Amino acid sequence: MLPQNAGRISRHMQMCASGSSVTGFHTGPLWMKSMWLQLGPMIMDKLHREDVLIHLEQKKCTVGNSSVEPYIAAHNMLLAHASATRLYREKYQAVQKGVVGINIYTMWSYPLTNSTADLEATQRFLDFYSGWILEPLVFGDYPSVMKKNVGSRLPSFSKVQSEAIRGTLDFIGINHYYSFYVNDRPLEKGIRDFSLDIAADYRGKTVCHSIHDYPFIACNSLDTFPGTSDSFI
């Protein structure tokens, strides 16, 4: 996603909001009034298609740069979300009584062993997969472990951007499909992508393939929201 698309998304939201008199409506990537502002699934779907699935299938991406592009795309999407949310709240929320939310596509993780390294890797997995999106929206910045592992490849928020994006959601939705056992692995040197930046192995053992088969799997993601320990409780 390019930076200039933030304005386009805001205009799209304004067009849909100004022309609606119903209690809820769908705007494509945005849901306003009493529904979703679906940013998380968009980010993770793009990430899975262009980075994670390629990594899992042992394929090499020959187009683009998976080392930086997922982070740039997510960063610009977050700024677009902040812009659209601010516009909605300033012009429409008082009259329409709507709420703005974000739907996070998250995968839960369990430590493969009780070792300190695997416990830290499990939290790191959650920080990358969910904290990546949620922490900027709640606290105004990315998780510290992401800034440490990704370094200069992770875009930074200016003070103005941080203040603008913080608190730009009224509720959080969760899409949950997979849970994994996670174990630690050393952070590799050289060129890395999103998967390698996590410094965790989560390909070996899958807890389940569908929440419909194992409904208990998502319970922990509701008790402690992914990526932030007890920060959102």
Protein backbone atom coordinates (compact mmCIF):
# COMPACT_ATOMS: atom_id res chain seq x y z
CA MET A 1 0.00 0.00 0.00
CA LEU A 2 1.34 3.42 -0.98
CA PRO A 3 1.30 6.44 1.37
CA GLN A 4 -1.00 8.44 -0.91
CA ASN A 5 -3.71 5.80 -0.54
CA ALA A 6 -4.50 7.09 2.95
CA GLY A 7 -6.31 10.04 1.44
CA ARG A 8 -8.18 7.80 -0.97
CA ILE A 9 -9.42 5.57 1.83
CA SER A 10 -10.56 8.61 3.81
CA ARG A 11 -12.48 9.90 0.79
CA HIS A 12 -14.02 6.48 0.25
CA MET A 13 -15.13 6.37 3.88
CA GLN A 14 -16.58 9.87 3.65
CA MET A 15 -18.55 9.00 0.53
CA CYS A 16 -20.05 5.92 2.18
CA ALA A 17 -20.72 7.58 5.53
CA SER A 18 -22.35 10.68 4.06
CA GLY A 19 -24.67 8.62 1.89
CA SER A 20 -25.84 6.20 4.57
CA SER A 21 -28.84 6.43 6.86
CA VAL A 22 -28.94 2.80 8.00
CA THR A 23 -27.64 1.37 11.26
CA GLY A 24 -24.71 -0.42 9.70
CA PHE A 25 -23.06 -0.57 6.32
CA HIS A 26 -20.11 -2.09 4.51
CA THR A 27 -17.63 0.12 2.71
CA GLY A 28 -15.33 -2.47 1.21
CA PRO A 29 -12.15 -2.31 3.32
CA LEU A 30 -13.96 -0.18 5.88
CA TRP A 31 -16.94 -0.96 8.05
CA MET A 32 -18.39 2.00 9.92
CA LYS A 33 -21.43 2.67 12.07
CA SER A 34 -21.72 -0.47 14.21
CA MET A 35 -19.44 -2.73 12.19
CA TRP A 36 -15.80 -3.31 11.34
CA LEU A 37 -12.97 -1.29 10.01
CA GLN A 38 -11.25 -4.32 8.52
CA LEU A 39 -7.58 -3.52 8.37
CA GLY A 40 -5.94 -6.45 10.13
CA PRO A 41 -7.13 -9.22 7.77
CA MET A 42 -6.02 -7.17 4.78
CA ILE A 43 -2.51 -6.85 6.16
CA MET A 44 -2.16 -10.46 7.20
CA ASP A 45 -3.64 -11.79 3.96
CA LYS A 46 -1.10 -9.80 1.98
CA LEU A 47 1.66 -10.96 4.30
CA HIS A 48 0.65 -14.61 4.04
CA ARG A 49 0.43 -14.52 0.28
CA GLU A 50 3.69 -12.70 -0.32
CA ASP A 51 5.91 -13.80 2.53
CA VAL A 52 4.75 -16.42 5.00
CA LEU A 53 3.23 -18.94 2.59
CA ILE A 54 6.20 -18.59 0.28
CA HIS A 55 8.47 -19.24 3.26
CA LEU A 56 6.48 -22.27 4.43
CA GLU A 57 6.43 -23.78 0.95
CA GLN A 58 10.17 -23.21 0.53
CA LYS A 59 9.66 -21.01 -2.51
CA LYS A 60 11.62 -17.93 -3.42
CA CYS A 61 9.85 -14.66 -4.17
CA THR A 62 11.45 -13.20 -7.30
CA VAL A 63 9.35 -10.03 -7.40
CA GLY A 64 9.53 -7.26 -4.82
CA ASN A 65 11.38 -7.26 -1.52
CA SER A 66 9.85 -9.36 1.26
CA SER A 67 12.44 -8.02 3.68
CA VAL A 68 10.86 -4.57 3.80
CA GLU A 69 7.63 -4.38 1.80
CA PRO A 70 5.27 -6.08 4.31
CA TYR A 71 6.38 -3.60 6.98
CA ILE A 72 5.94 -0.61 4.68
CA ALA A 73 2.51 -1.79 3.52
CA ALA A 74 1.31 -2.35 7.09
CA HIS A 75 2.69 1.03 8.20
CA ASN A 76 0.84 2.87 5.45
CA MET A 77 -2.36 0.94 6.18
CA LEU A 78 -2.18 1.94 9.83
CA LEU A 79 -1.76 5.59 8.87
CA ALA A 80 -4.69 5.28 6.47
CA HIS A 81 -6.77 3.77 9.26
CA ALA A 82 -5.92 6.70 11.53
CA SER A 83 -6.84 9.22 8.85
CA ALA A 84 -10.19 7.60 8.07
CA THR A 85 -11.04 7.14 11.75
CA ARG A 86 -10.27 10.76 12.58
CA LEU A 87 -12.47 11.96 9.72
CA TYR A 88 -15.35 9.70 10.75
CA ARG A 89 -15.18 10.77 14.37
CA GLU A 90 -15.02 14.45 13.51
CA LYS A 91 -17.82 14.53 10.94
CA TYR A 92 -20.15 11.57 11.44
CA GLN A 93 -19.83 9.72 14.73
CA ALA A 94 -21.77 12.20 16.87
CA VAL A 95 -24.79 12.00 14.58
CA GLN A 96 -24.62 8.36 13.50
CA LYS A 97 -23.58 7.05 16.93
CA GLY A 98 -21.27 4.60 15.22
CA VAL A 99 -18.16 2.86 16.45
CA VAL A 100 -14.90 2.10 14.69
CA GLY A 101 -13.23 -1.26 15.13
CA ILE A 102 -10.49 -3.38 13.71
CA ASN A 103 -10.62 -7.06 12.91
CA ILE A 104 -7.35 -8.85 13.66
CA TYR A 105 -6.46 -12.06 11.86
CA THR A 106 -4.45 -13.81 14.54
CA MET A 107 -2.81 -17.15 15.11
CA TRP A 108 -2.32 -18.30 18.68
CA SER A 109 0.89 -19.96 19.84
CA TYR A 110 1.92 -22.37 22.57
CA PRO A 111 5.51 -23.02 23.72
CA LEU A 112 6.86 -26.35 22.51
CA THR A 113 8.67 -26.74 25.84
CA ASN A 114 8.68 -24.87 29.15
CA SER A 115 12.17 -23.52 28.54
CA THR A 116 12.70 -19.78 28.92
CA ALA A 117 13.80 -19.56 25.29
CA ASP A 118 10.60 -21.18 23.99
CA LEU A 119 8.41 -19.08 26.28
CA GLU A 120 10.06 -15.92 24.97
CA ALA A 121 9.73 -17.16 21.38
CA THR A 122 6.02 -17.76 21.93
CA GLN A 123 5.50 -14.19 23.12
CA ARG A 124 7.64 -12.93 20.25
CA PHE A 125 5.40 -14.79 17.79
CA LEU A 126 2.35 -13.04 19.25
CA ASP A 127 4.08 -9.66 19.22
CA PHE A 128 4.81 -10.01 15.52
CA TYR A 129 1.47 -11.43 14.45
CA SER A 130 -0.90 -9.29 16.52
CA GLY A 131 1.07 -6.69 18.46
CA TRP A 132 2.37 -5.44 15.11
CA ILE A 133 -1.09 -4.01 14.41
CA LEU A 134 -2.60 -3.54 17.85
CA GLU A 135 0.19 -1.83 19.77
CA PRO A 136 0.38 1.16 17.40
CA LEU A 137 -3.41 1.57 17.60
CA VAL A 138 -3.44 1.40 21.40
CA PHE A 139 -0.03 2.77 22.43
CA GLY A 140 1.18 4.61 19.33
CA ASP A 141 4.23 2.48 18.53
CA TYR A 142 5.36 -0.97 17.45
CA PRO A 143 6.34 -3.71 19.94
CA SER A 144 9.87 -3.26 21.23
CA VAL A 145 10.94 -6.71 20.04
CA MET A 146 9.92 -5.82 16.49
CA LYS A 147 11.98 -2.64 16.59
CA LYS A 148 14.92 -4.63 17.91
CA ASN A 149 14.76 -7.53 15.45
CA VAL A 150 13.67 -5.66 12.32
CA GLY A 151 15.77 -2.56 12.91
CA SER A 152 15.83 0.11 10.22
CA ARG A 153 13.61 -1.97 7.92
CA LEU A 154 10.66 -1.21 10.21
CA PRO A 155 9.23 2.26 9.50
CA SER A 156 8.93 4.56 12.49
CA PHE A 157 6.09 6.83 13.54
CA SER A 158 6.77 10.51 14.02
CA LYS A 159 5.47 12.08 17.22
CA VAL A 160 2.52 13.54 15.31
CA GLN A 161 1.76 10.20 13.65
CA SER A 162 2.02 8.35 16.96
CA GLU A 163 -0.47 10.70 18.59
CA ALA A 164 -2.78 10.48 15.58
CA ILE A 165 -2.90 6.70 15.45
CA ARG A 166 -3.11 6.00 19.19
CA GLY A 167 -6.63 5.16 20.34
CA THR A 168 -8.16 4.91 16.86
CA LEU A 169 -10.43 1.98 17.66
CA ASP A 170 -13.52 1.44 19.80
CA PHE A 171 -13.47 -2.36 19.72
CA ILE A 172 -11.35 -5.28 18.55
CA GLY A 173 -12.58 -8.23 16.50
CA ILE A 174 -10.67 -11.50 16.23
CA ASN A 175 -10.37 -13.89 13.28
CA HIS A 176 -8.71 -17.09 14.50
CA TYR A 177 -7.95 -20.10 12.30
CA TYR A 178 -4.69 -21.72 13.40
CA SER A 179 -2.66 -22.36 16.54
CA PHE A 180 0.96 -23.50 16.61
CA TYR A 181 3.57 -24.93 18.92
CA VAL A 182 6.51 -22.53 18.88
CA ASN A 183 10.14 -23.00 19.73
CA ASP A 184 13.05 -20.60 19.75
CA ARG A 185 15.67 -20.39 17.05
CA PRO A 186 18.59 -17.97 16.74
CA LEU A 187 18.02 -14.74 14.87
CA GLU A 188 19.73 -15.26 11.54
CA LYS A 189 22.25 -12.78 10.21
CA GLY A 190 22.05 -11.29 6.74
CA ILE A 191 18.89 -10.63 4.76
CA ARG A 192 15.73 -11.63 6.62
CA ASP A 193 12.00 -11.44 5.97
CA PHE A 194 9.05 -11.31 8.39
CA SER A 195 9.22 -15.03 9.18
CA LEU A 196 12.92 -14.97 9.99
CA ASP A 197 12.60 -11.75 12.00
CA ILE A 198 10.42 -13.58 14.53
CA ALA A 199 13.34 -15.88 15.41
CA ALA A 200 10.97 -18.74 16.14
CA ASP A 201 10.16 -22.06 14.50
CA TYR A 202 6.44 -22.69 14.20
CA ARG A 203 6.28 -24.95 11.18
CA GLY A 204 6.69 -28.35 12.77
CA LYS A 205 3.58 -29.04 14.85
CA THR A 206 0.16 -27.52 14.28
CA VAL A 207 -2.24 -27.61 17.22
CA CYS A 208 -5.28 -27.53 14.96
CA HIS A 209 -6.40 -26.70 11.45
CA SER A 210 -9.71 -25.11 12.33
CA ILE A 211 -11.26 -23.42 15.30
CA HIS A 212 -14.44 -25.31 14.42
CA ASP A 213 -12.67 -28.58 15.21
CA TYR A 214 -11.04 -27.36 18.42
CA PRO A 215 -13.11 -24.49 19.85
CA PHE A 216 -11.08 -24.37 23.07
CA ILE A 217 -7.99 -23.25 21.20
CA ALA A 218 -9.06 -19.61 21.00
CA CYS A 219 -9.84 -19.29 24.71
CA ASN A 220 -6.40 -18.00 25.63
CA SER A 221 -6.54 -15.38 22.89
CA LEU A 222 -9.65 -14.00 24.59
CA ASP A 223 -8.18 -14.17 28.11
CA THR A 224 -4.98 -12.38 27.09
CA PHE A 225 -5.10 -10.67 23.75
CA PRO A 226 -2.32 -11.77 21.40
CA GLY A 227 0.93 -9.90 21.35
CA THR A 228 0.60 -7.74 24.42
CA SER A 229 0.57 -9.93 27.53
CA ASP A 230 -1.94 -8.26 29.88
CA SER A 231 -1.71 -4.84 28.25
CA PHE A 232 -5.24 -4.78 26.83
CA ILE A 233 -7.07 -6.44 29.73
